[in-house]
Amino acid sequence: MRWLRRCVLACVVASLPACITWKEIPVPEPPAPPNVVTDVSRIRLQNGQSAEFLTLVVATDSLFGIRNNIARTRMTVSFDQVQRIEVRKKDPARTLGLLGLVALGAYYSGITGFKPQ
């Protein structure tokens, strides 16, 4: 029974990213006015790499912002290197599904004190 409880806990920890999703926002065509993205965002570069930002400013020819890392470094990227810009959003349907699976797992593992019949 102990291994089942550990398995449920491992599944919960592994599925925590299921509560968020990334929505693509359009890359503005120059000469667009500067746009500030205040939500956590990430950019996908042409070479396949990505970078997350706490705040991102989309200027006429480049992007610049504060990285979502321990040092909170600033980064500037030219538009010709950017493949797409994404914003992190909460996903209520996936979160409710995850909570339902956690409740079922807790019930059947015996963590709650109830035993299935």
Protein backbone atom coordinates (compact mmCIF):
# COMPACT_ATOMS: atom_id res chain seq x y z
CA MET A 1 0.00 0.00 0.00
CA ARG A 2 2.90 2.35 0.68
CA TRP A 3 4.16 2.05 -2.91
CA LEU A 4 0.70 3.04 -4.17
CA ARG A 5 0.76 6.20 -2.07
CA ARG A 6 4.20 7.08 -3.40
CA CYS A 7 3.02 6.43 -6.95
CA VAL A 8 0.04 8.79 -6.48
CA LEU A 9 2.31 11.48 -5.06
CA ALA A 10 4.76 11.09 -7.95
CA CYS A 11 1.92 11.38 -10.48
CA VAL A 12 0.67 14.56 -8.80
CA VAL A 13 4.09 16.18 -8.90
CA ALA A 14 4.69 15.10 -12.50
CA SER A 15 1.33 16.48 -13.68
CA LEU A 16 1.53 19.94 -12.09
CA PRO A 17 2.36 21.64 -15.44
CA ALA A 18 -1.06 20.44 -16.65
CA CYS A 19 -2.63 23.47 -14.96
CA ILE A 20 -1.14 25.94 -17.45
CA THR A 21 -1.05 26.33 -21.19
CA TRP A 22 0.85 28.57 -23.59
CA LYS A 23 -1.18 30.79 -25.95
CA GLU A 24 0.49 32.27 -29.00
CA ILE A 25 0.21 36.02 -29.49
CA PRO A 26 0.82 37.60 -32.88
CA VAL A 27 4.17 39.16 -33.66
CA PRO A 28 3.38 42.76 -34.58
CA GLU A 29 4.38 44.08 -37.97
CA PRO A 30 6.60 47.17 -37.86
CA PRO A 31 5.89 50.09 -37.46
CA ALA A 32 3.57 48.93 -34.66
CA PRO A 33 3.57 50.83 -31.36
CA PRO A 34 5.48 49.22 -28.46
CA ASN A 35 3.48 46.60 -26.55
CA VAL A 36 4.15 45.51 -22.96
CA VAL A 37 3.36 41.90 -22.01
CA THR A 38 3.02 41.77 -18.22
CA ASP A 39 2.20 38.06 -17.92
CA VAL A 40 4.88 35.38 -17.89
CA SER A 41 5.80 34.85 -21.52
CA ARG A 42 8.26 32.97 -23.64
CA ILE A 43 9.70 33.38 -27.08
CA ARG A 44 10.62 30.61 -29.48
CA LEU A 45 13.66 31.40 -31.55
CA GLN A 46 14.34 30.31 -35.13
CA ASN A 47 17.09 27.95 -33.92
CA GLY A 48 14.65 26.04 -31.66
CA GLN A 49 15.68 27.52 -28.32
CA SER A 50 13.24 29.31 -26.05
CA ALA A 51 13.50 31.93 -23.30
CA GLU A 52 10.97 32.82 -20.60
CA PHE A 53 10.34 36.40 -19.48
CA LEU A 54 8.65 37.96 -16.47
CA THR A 55 7.96 41.13 -18.44
CA LEU A 56 8.42 41.57 -22.14
CA VAL A 57 8.35 44.72 -24.25
CA VAL A 58 7.64 44.26 -27.94
CA ALA A 59 9.20 47.25 -29.72
CA THR A 60 9.21 48.09 -33.43
CA ASP A 61 12.25 46.00 -34.36
CA SER A 62 13.11 43.90 -31.29
CA LEU A 63 11.95 42.35 -28.04
CA PHE A 64 13.47 43.08 -24.67
CA GLY A 65 12.58 42.12 -21.15
CA ILE A 66 13.52 40.60 -17.83
CA ARG A 67 14.22 36.86 -17.95
CA ASN A 68 12.40 34.42 -15.70
CA ASN A 69 15.55 32.98 -14.15
CA ILE A 70 17.33 33.25 -10.80
CA ALA A 71 19.51 36.23 -11.83
CA ARG A 72 16.59 38.14 -13.47
CA THR A 73 18.85 39.14 -16.34
CA ARG A 74 17.79 41.46 -19.13
CA MET A 75 17.72 40.18 -22.68
CA THR A 76 17.18 41.74 -26.08
CA VAL A 77 16.29 39.77 -29.20
CA SER A 78 15.89 40.99 -32.77
CA PHE A 79 12.58 40.24 -34.56
CA ASP A 80 14.32 38.27 -37.30
CA GLN A 81 15.39 35.69 -34.67
CA VAL A 82 11.88 35.25 -33.22
CA GLN A 83 9.68 32.43 -34.46
CA ARG A 84 6.74 33.09 -32.11
CA ILE A 85 5.73 34.74 -28.84
CA GLU A 86 3.65 32.87 -26.26
CA VAL A 87 1.92 33.91 -23.03
CA ARG A 88 1.30 31.56 -20.09
CA LYS A 89 -2.36 31.21 -19.14
CA LYS A 90 -4.17 29.12 -16.54
CA ASP A 91 -6.23 26.26 -17.96
CA PRO A 92 -9.27 25.62 -15.72
CA ALA A 93 -10.49 22.50 -17.56
CA ARG A 94 -7.13 20.73 -17.28
CA THR A 95 -6.81 21.83 -13.64
CA LEU A 96 -10.22 20.38 -12.74
CA GLY A 97 -9.35 17.17 -14.56
CA LEU A 98 -6.10 16.93 -12.62
CA LEU A 99 -7.86 17.53 -9.31
CA GLY A 100 -10.38 14.80 -10.17
CA LEU A 101 -7.59 12.35 -10.95
CA VAL A 102 -5.82 13.26 -7.71
CA ALA A 103 -9.03 12.72 -5.72
CA LEU A 104 -9.61 9.33 -7.36
CA GLY A 105 -6.00 8.31 -6.80
CA ALA A 106 -6.16 9.41 -3.17
CA TYR A 107 -9.37 7.48 -2.63
CA TYR A 108 -8.12 4.25 -4.18
CA SER A 109 -4.67 4.44 -2.57
CA GLY A 110 -6.09 4.73 0.94
CA ILE A 111 -4.49 8.08 1.73
CA THR A 112 -7.86 9.56 2.67
CA GLY A 113 -8.63 6.83 5.21
CA PHE A 114 -11.45 5.40 3.10
CA LYS A 115 -11.16 2.03 1.44
CA PRO A 116 -12.85 1.22 -1.86
CA GLN A 117 -15.38 -1.58 -1.68
